[in-house]
């Protein structure tokens, strides 16, 4: 792994972890408000189920379901390093699973990637060119690389912004990044 990426990943993880739970909750709520505005036109949205200390997505999932939007959550396939997709009708069925990521264990409803109009993607870091620094395993890059028509929306806290994220050929750029401070649009 590129040492500069790993160093940046460690620094930005620490910046995110240094936020108090109250700060994360307040900032997450602001991010959800912005996301709801961005997602008004979409019938089906993929949303990651957050784990601490990521931007919390439970409120987003609940609000989307309440307005009739179909929600799809990714399920990590560790063996193949891919994502399997499931519709989510009740956030209460999410349980910590692979890498402690909440997944709909025993409540899977298979979903098709082609139905997804927009995807909310977790990140560790980002820059103003909408380059995303993920966790390093490439699950989302592989998924998004095979589904280029999906609107790619990265979410993070403003403290996760970097001057420049090193980018390689396989790294997929986001269409926009949403933080508590607003929306950065690219492309």
N, C-alpha and C. Protein backbone atom coordinates (compact mmCIF):
# COMPACT_ATOMS: atom_id res chain seq x y z
N UNK A 1 0.85 -1.19 0.00
CA UNK A 1 0.00 0.00 0.00
C UNK A 1 0.88 1.24 0.00
N UNK A 2 0.48 2.22 -0.74
CA UNK A 2 1.18 3.49 -0.83
C UNK A 2 1.32 4.09 0.58
N UNK A 3 2.57 4.36 0.98
CA UNK A 3 2.84 4.88 2.33
C UNK A 3 2.20 6.25 2.56
N UNK A 4 2.18 7.10 1.51
CA UNK A 4 1.59 8.42 1.69
C UNK A 4 0.08 8.30 1.93
N UNK A 5 -0.57 7.34 1.25
CA UNK A 5 -2.00 7.12 1.47
C UNK A 5 -2.24 6.62 2.89
N UNK A 6 -1.39 5.69 3.34
CA UNK A 6 -1.59 5.14 4.68
C UNK A 6 -1.36 6.21 5.74
N UNK A 7 -0.36 7.03 5.56
CA UNK A 7 -0.10 8.12 6.51
C UNK A 7 -1.29 9.07 6.55
N UNK A 8 -1.79 9.44 5.39
CA UNK A 8 -2.95 10.33 5.29
C UNK A 8 -4.18 9.68 5.93
N UNK A 9 -4.36 8.40 5.65
CA UNK A 9 -5.50 7.66 6.22
C UNK A 9 -5.44 7.71 7.76
N UNK A 10 -4.26 7.47 8.32
CA UNK A 10 -4.11 7.49 9.78
C UNK A 10 -4.41 8.88 10.35
N UNK A 11 -3.91 9.92 9.69
CA UNK A 11 -4.11 11.29 10.17
C UNK A 11 -5.59 11.68 10.13
N UNK A 12 -6.27 11.33 9.03
CA UNK A 12 -7.67 11.71 8.89
C UNK A 12 -8.59 10.86 9.77
N UNK A 13 -8.22 9.61 9.99
CA UNK A 13 -8.99 8.78 10.94
C UNK A 13 -8.92 9.40 12.33
N UNK A 14 -7.72 9.88 12.70
CA UNK A 14 -7.56 10.48 14.02
C UNK A 14 -8.38 11.77 14.12
N UNK A 15 -8.37 12.58 13.08
CA UNK A 15 -9.16 13.83 13.09
C UNK A 15 -10.64 13.51 13.30
N UNK A 16 -11.14 12.49 12.63
CA UNK A 16 -12.54 12.09 12.78
C UNK A 16 -12.79 11.53 14.17
N UNK A 17 -11.90 10.71 14.67
CA UNK A 17 -12.06 10.09 15.99
C UNK A 17 -11.99 11.13 17.11
N UNK A 18 -11.31 12.25 16.86
CA UNK A 18 -11.19 13.30 17.88
C UNK A 18 -12.49 14.08 18.07
N UNK A 19 -13.44 13.96 17.16
CA UNK A 19 -14.74 14.60 17.35
C UNK A 19 -15.47 13.89 18.50
N UNK A 20 -16.15 14.66 19.34
CA UNK A 20 -16.92 14.04 20.42
C UNK A 20 -18.16 13.37 19.83
N UNK A 21 -18.77 12.42 20.53
CA UNK A 21 -20.01 11.82 20.04
C UNK A 21 -21.08 12.88 19.77
N UNK A 22 -21.14 13.91 20.60
CA UNK A 22 -22.12 14.98 20.41
C UNK A 22 -21.84 15.76 19.13
N UNK A 23 -20.56 16.05 18.87
CA UNK A 23 -20.19 16.76 17.64
C UNK A 23 -20.53 15.90 16.41
N UNK A 24 -20.22 14.61 16.47
CA UNK A 24 -20.53 13.72 15.35
C UNK A 24 -22.03 13.67 15.10
N UNK A 25 -22.82 13.61 16.17
CA UNK A 25 -24.28 13.54 16.01
C UNK A 25 -24.81 14.83 15.39
N UNK A 26 -24.33 15.97 15.86
CA UNK A 26 -24.80 17.26 15.34
C UNK A 26 -24.40 17.44 13.88
N UNK A 27 -23.15 17.11 13.56
CA UNK A 27 -22.66 17.25 12.19
C UNK A 27 -23.36 16.25 11.26
N UNK A 28 -23.60 15.04 11.75
CA UNK A 28 -24.30 14.03 10.95
C UNK A 28 -25.70 14.50 10.60
N UNK A 29 -26.36 15.11 11.56
CA UNK A 29 -27.72 15.61 11.32
C UNK A 29 -27.72 16.68 10.22
N UNK A 30 -26.72 17.56 10.24
CA UNK A 30 -26.62 18.59 9.19
C UNK A 30 -26.36 17.93 7.83
N UNK A 31 -25.53 16.92 7.80
CA UNK A 31 -25.21 16.20 6.56
C UNK A 31 -26.46 15.51 6.02
N UNK A 32 -27.23 14.88 6.89
CA UNK A 32 -28.47 14.20 6.47
C UNK A 32 -29.43 15.20 5.83
N UNK A 33 -29.54 16.39 6.41
CA UNK A 33 -30.41 17.41 5.83
C UNK A 33 -30.01 17.76 4.41
N UNK A 34 -28.71 17.93 4.17
CA UNK A 34 -28.21 18.23 2.83
C UNK A 34 -28.45 17.06 1.88
N UNK A 35 -28.21 15.85 2.37
CA UNK A 35 -28.40 14.66 1.53
C UNK A 35 -29.86 14.50 1.10
N UNK A 36 -30.78 14.74 2.02
CA UNK A 36 -32.20 14.59 1.68
C UNK A 36 -32.59 15.52 0.53
N UNK A 37 -32.02 16.71 0.51
CA UNK A 37 -32.27 17.62 -0.60
C UNK A 37 -31.68 17.10 -1.91
N UNK A 38 -30.48 16.54 -1.85
CA UNK A 38 -29.82 16.01 -3.04
C UNK A 38 -30.54 14.79 -3.62
N UNK A 39 -31.21 14.03 -2.76
CA UNK A 39 -31.76 12.74 -3.17
C UNK A 39 -33.24 12.77 -3.52
N UNK A 40 -33.84 13.96 -3.58
CA UNK A 40 -35.28 14.07 -3.81
C UNK A 40 -35.77 13.36 -5.07
N UNK A 41 -34.98 13.38 -6.12
CA UNK A 41 -35.44 12.85 -7.41
C UNK A 41 -35.21 11.35 -7.59
N UNK A 42 -34.60 10.70 -6.62
CA UNK A 42 -34.23 9.29 -6.79
C UNK A 42 -35.23 8.35 -6.15
N UNK A 43 -35.57 7.27 -6.88
CA UNK A 43 -36.49 6.25 -6.36
C UNK A 43 -35.77 5.22 -5.51
N UNK A 44 -34.51 4.92 -5.87
CA UNK A 44 -33.73 3.90 -5.16
C UNK A 44 -32.35 4.45 -4.87
N UNK A 45 -31.95 4.38 -3.60
CA UNK A 45 -30.68 4.93 -3.16
C UNK A 45 -29.92 3.87 -2.34
N UNK A 46 -28.64 3.71 -2.66
CA UNK A 46 -27.79 2.85 -1.83
C UNK A 46 -27.19 3.72 -0.72
N UNK A 47 -27.30 3.26 0.50
CA UNK A 47 -26.77 3.99 1.65
C UNK A 47 -25.96 3.02 2.51
N UNK A 48 -24.73 3.39 2.83
CA UNK A 48 -23.97 2.54 3.74
C UNK A 48 -24.58 2.63 5.14
N UNK A 49 -24.57 1.52 5.85
CA UNK A 49 -25.00 1.52 7.25
C UNK A 49 -23.76 1.86 8.08
N UNK A 50 -23.81 2.97 8.76
CA UNK A 50 -22.62 3.51 9.44
C UNK A 50 -22.23 2.73 10.67
N UNK A 51 -20.91 2.73 10.91
CA UNK A 51 -20.34 2.26 12.17
C UNK A 51 -19.59 3.44 12.77
N UNK A 52 -19.41 3.43 14.06
CA UNK A 52 -18.67 4.52 14.71
C UNK A 52 -17.25 4.54 14.18
N UNK A 53 -16.65 5.68 13.95
CA UNK A 53 -17.15 7.05 14.12
C UNK A 53 -17.55 7.71 12.79
N UNK A 54 -18.11 6.93 11.86
CA UNK A 54 -18.50 7.47 10.56
C UNK A 54 -19.69 8.43 10.70
N UNK A 55 -19.96 9.17 9.61
CA UNK A 55 -21.17 9.97 9.54
C UNK A 55 -22.34 9.01 9.73
N UNK A 56 -23.19 9.30 10.70
CA UNK A 56 -24.32 8.43 11.03
C UNK A 56 -25.35 8.49 9.91
N UNK A 57 -25.82 7.31 9.46
CA UNK A 57 -26.76 7.26 8.35
C UNK A 57 -28.14 6.72 8.74
N UNK A 58 -28.33 6.35 9.99
CA UNK A 58 -29.62 5.79 10.39
C UNK A 58 -30.77 6.79 10.15
N UNK A 59 -30.55 8.05 10.50
CA UNK A 59 -31.58 9.08 10.28
C UNK A 59 -31.88 9.26 8.80
N UNK A 60 -30.85 9.18 7.96
CA UNK A 60 -31.04 9.29 6.52
C UNK A 60 -31.87 8.12 6.01
N UNK A 61 -31.52 6.92 6.43
CA UNK A 61 -32.25 5.72 6.00
C UNK A 61 -33.71 5.83 6.41
N UNK A 62 -33.96 6.21 7.65
CA UNK A 62 -35.34 6.33 8.14
C UNK A 62 -36.13 7.39 7.36
N UNK A 63 -35.49 8.54 7.08
CA UNK A 63 -36.17 9.61 6.35
C UNK A 63 -36.47 9.19 4.91
N UNK A 64 -35.53 8.51 4.27
CA UNK A 64 -35.76 8.04 2.90
C UNK A 64 -36.90 7.03 2.86
N UNK A 65 -36.90 6.08 3.79
CA UNK A 65 -37.98 5.09 3.84
C UNK A 65 -39.33 5.77 4.08
N UNK A 66 -39.34 6.77 4.97
CA UNK A 66 -40.59 7.47 5.30
C UNK A 66 -41.18 8.19 4.09
N UNK A 67 -40.32 8.65 3.19
CA UNK A 67 -40.85 9.34 2.01
C UNK A 67 -41.04 8.42 0.81
N UNK A 68 -40.84 7.11 1.03
CA UNK A 68 -41.14 6.13 -0.01
C UNK A 68 -39.99 5.78 -0.93
N UNK A 69 -38.79 6.24 -0.61
CA UNK A 69 -37.61 5.89 -1.40
C UNK A 69 -37.16 4.49 -1.01
N UNK A 70 -36.82 3.68 -2.00
CA UNK A 70 -36.28 2.35 -1.72
C UNK A 70 -34.83 2.51 -1.31
N UNK A 71 -34.45 1.84 -0.22
CA UNK A 71 -33.10 1.92 0.30
C UNK A 71 -32.41 0.57 0.11
N UNK A 72 -31.21 0.63 -0.44
CA UNK A 72 -30.38 -0.55 -0.62
C UNK A 72 -29.15 -0.38 0.26
N UNK A 73 -28.76 -1.44 0.96
CA UNK A 73 -27.52 -1.40 1.74
C UNK A 73 -26.54 -2.41 1.18
N UNK A 74 -25.25 -2.07 1.21
CA UNK A 74 -24.24 -3.01 0.74
C UNK A 74 -23.90 -4.02 1.83
N UNK A 75 -23.59 -5.24 1.39
CA UNK A 75 -23.15 -6.30 2.28
C UNK A 75 -21.75 -6.71 1.81
N UNK A 76 -20.81 -6.68 2.70
CA UNK A 76 -19.41 -6.96 2.35
C UNK A 76 -19.21 -8.46 2.11
N UNK A 77 -18.65 -8.78 0.94
CA UNK A 77 -18.27 -10.15 0.60
C UNK A 77 -16.75 -10.23 0.70
N UNK A 78 -16.28 -10.59 1.88
CA UNK A 78 -14.85 -10.57 2.16
C UNK A 78 -14.05 -11.47 1.22
N UNK A 79 -14.59 -12.67 0.91
CA UNK A 79 -13.86 -13.64 0.10
C UNK A 79 -13.57 -13.10 -1.30
N UNK A 80 -14.53 -12.42 -1.90
CA UNK A 80 -14.39 -11.93 -3.27
C UNK A 80 -14.07 -10.44 -3.33
N UNK A 81 -14.05 -9.79 -2.18
CA UNK A 81 -13.81 -8.34 -2.08
C UNK A 81 -14.79 -7.56 -2.94
N UNK A 82 -16.05 -7.97 -2.85
CA UNK A 82 -17.12 -7.30 -3.58
C UNK A 82 -18.24 -6.95 -2.62
N UNK A 83 -19.23 -6.23 -3.14
CA UNK A 83 -20.41 -5.88 -2.35
C UNK A 83 -21.62 -6.61 -2.91
N UNK A 84 -22.38 -7.20 -2.02
CA UNK A 84 -23.69 -7.77 -2.36
C UNK A 84 -24.71 -6.75 -1.91
N UNK A 85 -25.86 -6.69 -2.56
CA UNK A 85 -26.83 -5.64 -2.26
C UNK A 85 -28.12 -6.21 -1.72
N UNK A 86 -28.69 -5.51 -0.74
CA UNK A 86 -29.96 -5.90 -0.16
C UNK A 86 -30.83 -4.67 0.06
N UNK A 87 -32.12 -4.80 -0.29
CA UNK A 87 -33.07 -3.77 0.10
C UNK A 87 -33.18 -3.79 1.61
N UNK A 88 -33.45 -2.64 2.19
CA UNK A 88 -33.63 -2.52 3.63
C UNK A 88 -34.99 -1.87 3.87
N UNK A 89 -35.86 -2.60 4.52
CA UNK A 89 -37.19 -2.06 4.82
C UNK A 89 -37.32 -1.64 6.28
N UNK A 90 -36.44 -2.17 7.15
CA UNK A 90 -36.49 -1.86 8.57
C UNK A 90 -35.06 -1.76 9.12
N UNK A 91 -34.60 -0.56 9.46
CA UNK A 91 -33.23 -0.40 9.98
C UNK A 91 -32.95 -1.20 11.25
N UNK A 92 -34.00 -1.62 11.94
CA UNK A 92 -33.81 -2.38 13.19
C UNK A 92 -33.16 -3.74 12.95
N UNK A 93 -33.20 -4.25 11.70
CA UNK A 93 -32.62 -5.57 11.43
C UNK A 93 -31.11 -5.52 11.21
N UNK A 94 -30.54 -4.32 11.18
CA UNK A 94 -29.10 -4.19 10.96
C UNK A 94 -28.32 -4.63 12.20
N UNK A 95 -27.38 -5.53 11.99
CA UNK A 95 -26.53 -6.04 13.08
C UNK A 95 -25.07 -5.94 12.66
N UNK A 96 -24.16 -5.64 13.60
CA UNK A 96 -22.74 -5.59 13.26
C UNK A 96 -22.29 -6.92 12.64
N UNK A 97 -21.56 -6.81 11.52
CA UNK A 97 -21.12 -7.99 10.80
C UNK A 97 -19.66 -7.81 10.40
N UNK A 98 -19.32 -8.08 9.15
CA UNK A 98 -17.95 -7.98 8.66
C UNK A 98 -17.39 -6.59 8.91
N UNK A 99 -16.20 -6.52 9.49
CA UNK A 99 -15.54 -5.26 9.84
C UNK A 99 -16.42 -4.39 10.74
N UNK A 100 -17.33 -4.99 11.49
CA UNK A 100 -18.27 -4.31 12.38
C UNK A 100 -19.29 -3.45 11.64
N UNK A 101 -19.40 -3.62 10.33
CA UNK A 101 -20.38 -2.86 9.54
C UNK A 101 -21.76 -3.47 9.76
N UNK A 102 -22.76 -2.66 10.08
CA UNK A 102 -24.13 -3.18 10.23
C UNK A 102 -24.68 -3.71 8.90
N UNK A 103 -25.23 -4.90 8.94
CA UNK A 103 -25.80 -5.54 7.76
C UNK A 103 -27.11 -6.22 8.14
N UNK A 104 -28.01 -6.43 7.15
CA UNK A 104 -29.32 -7.03 7.45
C UNK A 104 -29.22 -8.57 7.57
N UNK A 105 -28.56 -9.01 8.60
CA UNK A 105 -28.34 -10.44 8.83
C UNK A 105 -29.70 -11.16 8.93
N UNK A 106 -29.85 -12.22 8.14
CA UNK A 106 -31.07 -13.05 8.10
C UNK A 106 -32.31 -12.26 7.64
N UNK A 107 -32.12 -11.07 7.10
CA UNK A 107 -33.24 -10.27 6.59
C UNK A 107 -32.91 -9.69 5.22
N UNK A 108 -32.09 -10.41 4.46
CA UNK A 108 -31.69 -9.93 3.15
C UNK A 108 -32.83 -9.98 2.15
N UNK A 109 -32.93 -8.93 1.35
CA UNK A 109 -33.87 -8.86 0.23
C UNK A 109 -33.02 -8.47 -0.97
N UNK A 110 -32.63 -9.44 -1.82
CA UNK A 110 -31.70 -9.15 -2.92
C UNK A 110 -32.11 -7.95 -3.77
N UNK A 111 -31.14 -7.12 -4.09
CA UNK A 111 -31.36 -5.92 -4.89
C UNK A 111 -30.44 -5.96 -6.10
N UNK A 112 -30.86 -5.28 -7.15
CA UNK A 112 -30.08 -5.17 -8.39
C UNK A 112 -29.38 -3.82 -8.44
N UNK A 113 -28.10 -3.84 -8.76
CA UNK A 113 -27.33 -2.60 -8.84
C UNK A 113 -27.90 -1.65 -9.89
N UNK A 114 -28.46 -2.18 -10.95
CA UNK A 114 -29.01 -1.35 -12.01
C UNK A 114 -30.19 -0.49 -11.58
N UNK A 115 -30.81 -0.82 -10.45
CA UNK A 115 -31.95 -0.05 -9.94
C UNK A 115 -31.51 1.19 -9.15
N UNK A 116 -30.25 1.23 -8.77
CA UNK A 116 -29.74 2.30 -7.89
C UNK A 116 -29.45 3.56 -8.71
N UNK A 117 -30.04 4.68 -8.27
CA UNK A 117 -29.79 5.96 -8.94
C UNK A 117 -28.67 6.75 -8.31
N UNK A 118 -28.53 6.62 -6.99
CA UNK A 118 -27.49 7.35 -6.26
C UNK A 118 -26.96 6.46 -5.15
N UNK A 119 -25.69 6.67 -4.81
CA UNK A 119 -25.06 5.88 -3.74
C UNK A 119 -24.37 6.82 -2.76
N UNK A 120 -24.64 6.61 -1.48
CA UNK A 120 -23.98 7.35 -0.40
C UNK A 120 -22.81 6.49 0.06
N UNK A 121 -21.61 7.04 -0.05
CA UNK A 121 -20.38 6.28 0.13
C UNK A 121 -19.60 6.81 1.34
N UNK A 122 -19.15 5.92 2.23
CA UNK A 122 -18.34 6.38 3.37
C UNK A 122 -16.92 6.71 2.90
N UNK A 123 -16.24 7.50 3.68
CA UNK A 123 -14.85 7.82 3.33
C UNK A 123 -14.07 8.16 4.59
N UNK A 124 -12.77 8.08 4.43
CA UNK A 124 -11.87 8.50 5.51
C UNK A 124 -11.36 9.90 5.22
N UNK A 125 -11.19 10.20 3.93
CA UNK A 125 -10.71 11.51 3.55
C UNK A 125 -11.17 11.88 2.16
N UNK A 126 -11.05 13.16 1.83
CA UNK A 126 -11.46 13.67 0.53
C UNK A 126 -10.73 14.97 0.26
N UNK A 127 -10.75 15.36 -1.00
CA UNK A 127 -10.20 16.68 -1.34
C UNK A 127 -11.23 17.45 -2.18
N UNK A 128 -10.87 18.66 -2.55
CA UNK A 128 -11.81 19.52 -3.27
C UNK A 128 -12.03 19.09 -4.72
N UNK A 129 -11.28 18.09 -5.19
CA UNK A 129 -11.50 17.54 -6.52
C UNK A 129 -12.38 16.29 -6.45
N UNK A 130 -12.94 16.05 -5.28
CA UNK A 130 -13.82 14.90 -5.02
C UNK A 130 -13.11 13.55 -5.10
N UNK A 131 -11.81 13.55 -4.86
CA UNK A 131 -11.11 12.28 -4.70
C UNK A 131 -11.42 11.78 -3.31
N UNK A 132 -11.66 10.49 -3.21
CA UNK A 132 -12.05 9.85 -1.96
C UNK A 132 -10.93 8.93 -1.49
N UNK A 133 -10.65 9.01 -0.20
CA UNK A 133 -9.74 8.06 0.43
C UNK A 133 -10.61 7.13 1.26
N UNK A 134 -10.65 5.87 0.87
CA UNK A 134 -11.47 4.90 1.58
C UNK A 134 -10.65 4.13 2.60
N UNK A 135 -11.15 2.97 2.96
CA UNK A 135 -10.49 2.15 3.97
C UNK A 135 -9.33 1.33 3.41
N UNK A 136 -9.22 1.26 2.07
CA UNK A 136 -8.07 0.62 1.47
C UNK A 136 -8.30 -0.72 0.82
N UNK A 137 -9.48 -1.30 0.96
CA UNK A 137 -9.73 -2.63 0.39
C UNK A 137 -10.35 -2.56 -1.00
N UNK A 138 -10.87 -1.41 -1.41
CA UNK A 138 -11.37 -1.22 -2.76
C UNK A 138 -12.77 -1.73 -3.05
N UNK A 139 -13.54 -2.08 -2.03
CA UNK A 139 -14.90 -2.60 -2.25
C UNK A 139 -15.76 -1.62 -3.05
N UNK A 140 -15.79 -0.37 -2.62
CA UNK A 140 -16.63 0.62 -3.29
C UNK A 140 -16.07 0.99 -4.66
N UNK A 141 -14.74 1.09 -4.79
CA UNK A 141 -14.16 1.40 -6.09
C UNK A 141 -14.53 0.33 -7.12
N UNK A 142 -14.46 -0.94 -6.73
CA UNK A 142 -14.82 -2.01 -7.66
C UNK A 142 -16.30 -1.93 -8.03
N UNK A 143 -17.16 -1.72 -7.03
CA UNK A 143 -18.59 -1.62 -7.30
C UNK A 143 -18.89 -0.45 -8.22
N UNK A 144 -18.40 0.73 -7.88
CA UNK A 144 -18.69 1.93 -8.66
C UNK A 144 -18.07 1.88 -10.04
N UNK A 145 -16.94 1.21 -10.17
CA UNK A 145 -16.29 1.07 -11.47
C UNK A 145 -17.12 0.26 -12.45
N UNK A 146 -17.94 -0.66 -11.94
CA UNK A 146 -18.78 -1.47 -12.82
C UNK A 146 -20.20 -0.90 -12.95
N UNK A 147 -20.47 0.19 -12.24
CA UNK A 147 -21.79 0.84 -12.31
C UNK A 147 -21.60 2.36 -12.42
N UNK A 148 -21.06 2.81 -13.56
CA UNK A 148 -20.68 4.22 -13.69
C UNK A 148 -21.85 5.21 -13.74
N UNK A 149 -23.07 4.75 -13.98
CA UNK A 149 -24.20 5.69 -14.07
C UNK A 149 -24.76 6.09 -12.71
N UNK A 150 -24.33 5.43 -11.65
CA UNK A 150 -24.80 5.76 -10.30
C UNK A 150 -24.20 7.10 -9.87
N UNK A 151 -25.03 8.00 -9.35
CA UNK A 151 -24.52 9.25 -8.78
C UNK A 151 -23.75 8.91 -7.51
N UNK A 152 -22.48 9.30 -7.46
CA UNK A 152 -21.59 8.94 -6.36
C UNK A 152 -21.46 10.12 -5.39
N UNK A 153 -21.95 9.92 -4.17
CA UNK A 153 -21.94 10.97 -3.16
C UNK A 153 -21.14 10.49 -1.95
N UNK A 154 -20.00 11.10 -1.72
CA UNK A 154 -19.19 10.77 -0.55
C UNK A 154 -19.64 11.61 0.64
N UNK A 155 -19.62 11.01 1.83
CA UNK A 155 -19.99 11.76 3.03
C UNK A 155 -18.87 11.68 4.06
N UNK A 156 -18.59 12.81 4.65
CA UNK A 156 -17.57 12.87 5.70
C UNK A 156 -17.72 14.18 6.46
N UNK A 157 -16.96 14.30 7.50
CA UNK A 157 -16.93 15.53 8.28
C UNK A 157 -15.89 16.46 7.68
N UNK A 158 -16.07 17.76 7.85
CA UNK A 158 -15.15 18.74 7.27
C UNK A 158 -13.71 18.51 7.72
N UNK A 159 -13.53 17.99 8.91
CA UNK A 159 -12.17 17.73 9.42
C UNK A 159 -11.46 16.62 8.64
N UNK A 160 -12.17 15.93 7.75
CA UNK A 160 -11.59 14.85 6.95
C UNK A 160 -11.11 15.35 5.58
N UNK A 161 -11.21 16.66 5.35
CA UNK A 161 -10.75 17.24 4.09
C UNK A 161 -9.22 17.30 4.11
N UNK A 162 -8.63 16.95 2.98
CA UNK A 162 -7.18 17.03 2.81
C UNK A 162 -6.89 17.95 1.63
N UNK A 163 -5.69 18.50 1.57
CA UNK A 163 -5.33 19.35 0.44
C UNK A 163 -5.35 18.54 -0.85
N UNK A 164 -4.83 17.31 -0.77
CA UNK A 164 -4.78 16.46 -1.95
C UNK A 164 -4.80 15.00 -1.53
N UNK A 165 -5.70 14.24 -2.16
CA UNK A 165 -5.76 12.80 -1.95
C UNK A 165 -5.02 12.16 -3.12
N UNK A 166 -3.98 11.36 -2.85
CA UNK A 166 -3.30 10.67 -3.95
C UNK A 166 -4.30 9.75 -4.67
N UNK A 167 -4.30 9.80 -5.99
CA UNK A 167 -5.26 9.03 -6.76
C UNK A 167 -4.56 8.10 -7.73
N UNK A 168 -5.05 6.87 -7.80
CA UNK A 168 -4.52 5.87 -8.72
C UNK A 168 -5.60 5.55 -9.75
N UNK A 169 -5.23 4.84 -10.80
CA UNK A 169 -6.15 4.55 -11.91
C UNK A 169 -7.43 3.86 -11.45
N UNK A 170 -7.35 3.01 -10.43
CA UNK A 170 -8.53 2.25 -9.98
C UNK A 170 -9.41 3.04 -9.00
N UNK A 171 -8.94 4.19 -8.54
CA UNK A 171 -9.71 4.99 -7.59
C UNK A 171 -10.84 5.73 -8.32
N UNK A 172 -12.05 5.61 -7.81
CA UNK A 172 -13.22 6.23 -8.43
C UNK A 172 -13.50 7.56 -7.73
N UNK A 173 -13.59 8.62 -8.52
CA UNK A 173 -13.87 9.96 -8.01
C UNK A 173 -15.37 10.09 -7.72
N UNK A 174 -15.71 10.80 -6.69
CA UNK A 174 -17.10 11.07 -6.35
C UNK A 174 -17.63 12.19 -7.24
N UNK A 175 -18.94 12.22 -7.44
CA UNK A 175 -19.55 13.36 -8.15
C UNK A 175 -19.68 14.55 -7.20
N UNK A 176 -19.87 14.25 -5.92
CA UNK A 176 -19.90 15.32 -4.92
C UNK A 176 -19.55 14.75 -3.55
N UNK A 177 -19.15 15.64 -2.68
CA UNK A 177 -18.83 15.31 -1.28
C UNK A 177 -19.73 16.19 -0.42
N UNK A 178 -20.36 15.57 0.58
CA UNK A 178 -21.24 16.31 1.49
C UNK A 178 -20.64 16.26 2.90
N UNK A 179 -20.42 17.44 3.46
CA UNK A 179 -20.00 17.58 4.86
C UNK A 179 -21.02 18.48 5.56
N UNK A 180 -20.82 18.68 6.84
CA UNK A 180 -21.71 19.57 7.59
C UNK A 180 -21.59 21.02 7.11
N UNK A 181 -20.51 21.32 6.38
CA UNK A 181 -20.32 22.68 5.88
C UNK A 181 -20.91 22.91 4.50
N UNK A 182 -21.39 21.86 3.85
CA UNK A 182 -22.00 22.06 2.54
C UNK A 182 -21.66 20.95 1.56
N UNK A 183 -21.91 21.23 0.28
CA UNK A 183 -21.76 20.26 -0.79
C UNK A 183 -20.66 20.74 -1.73
N UNK A 184 -19.68 19.90 -1.99
CA UNK A 184 -18.66 20.16 -3.00
C UNK A 184 -19.01 19.32 -4.21
N UNK A 185 -19.27 19.97 -5.34
CA UNK A 185 -19.64 19.25 -6.56
C UNK A 185 -18.45 19.22 -7.52
N UNK A 186 -18.28 18.09 -8.16
CA UNK A 186 -17.20 17.92 -9.13
C UNK A 186 -17.76 17.22 -10.37
N UNK A 187 -17.20 17.55 -11.53
CA UNK A 187 -17.58 16.85 -12.76
C UNK A 187 -19.01 17.09 -13.19
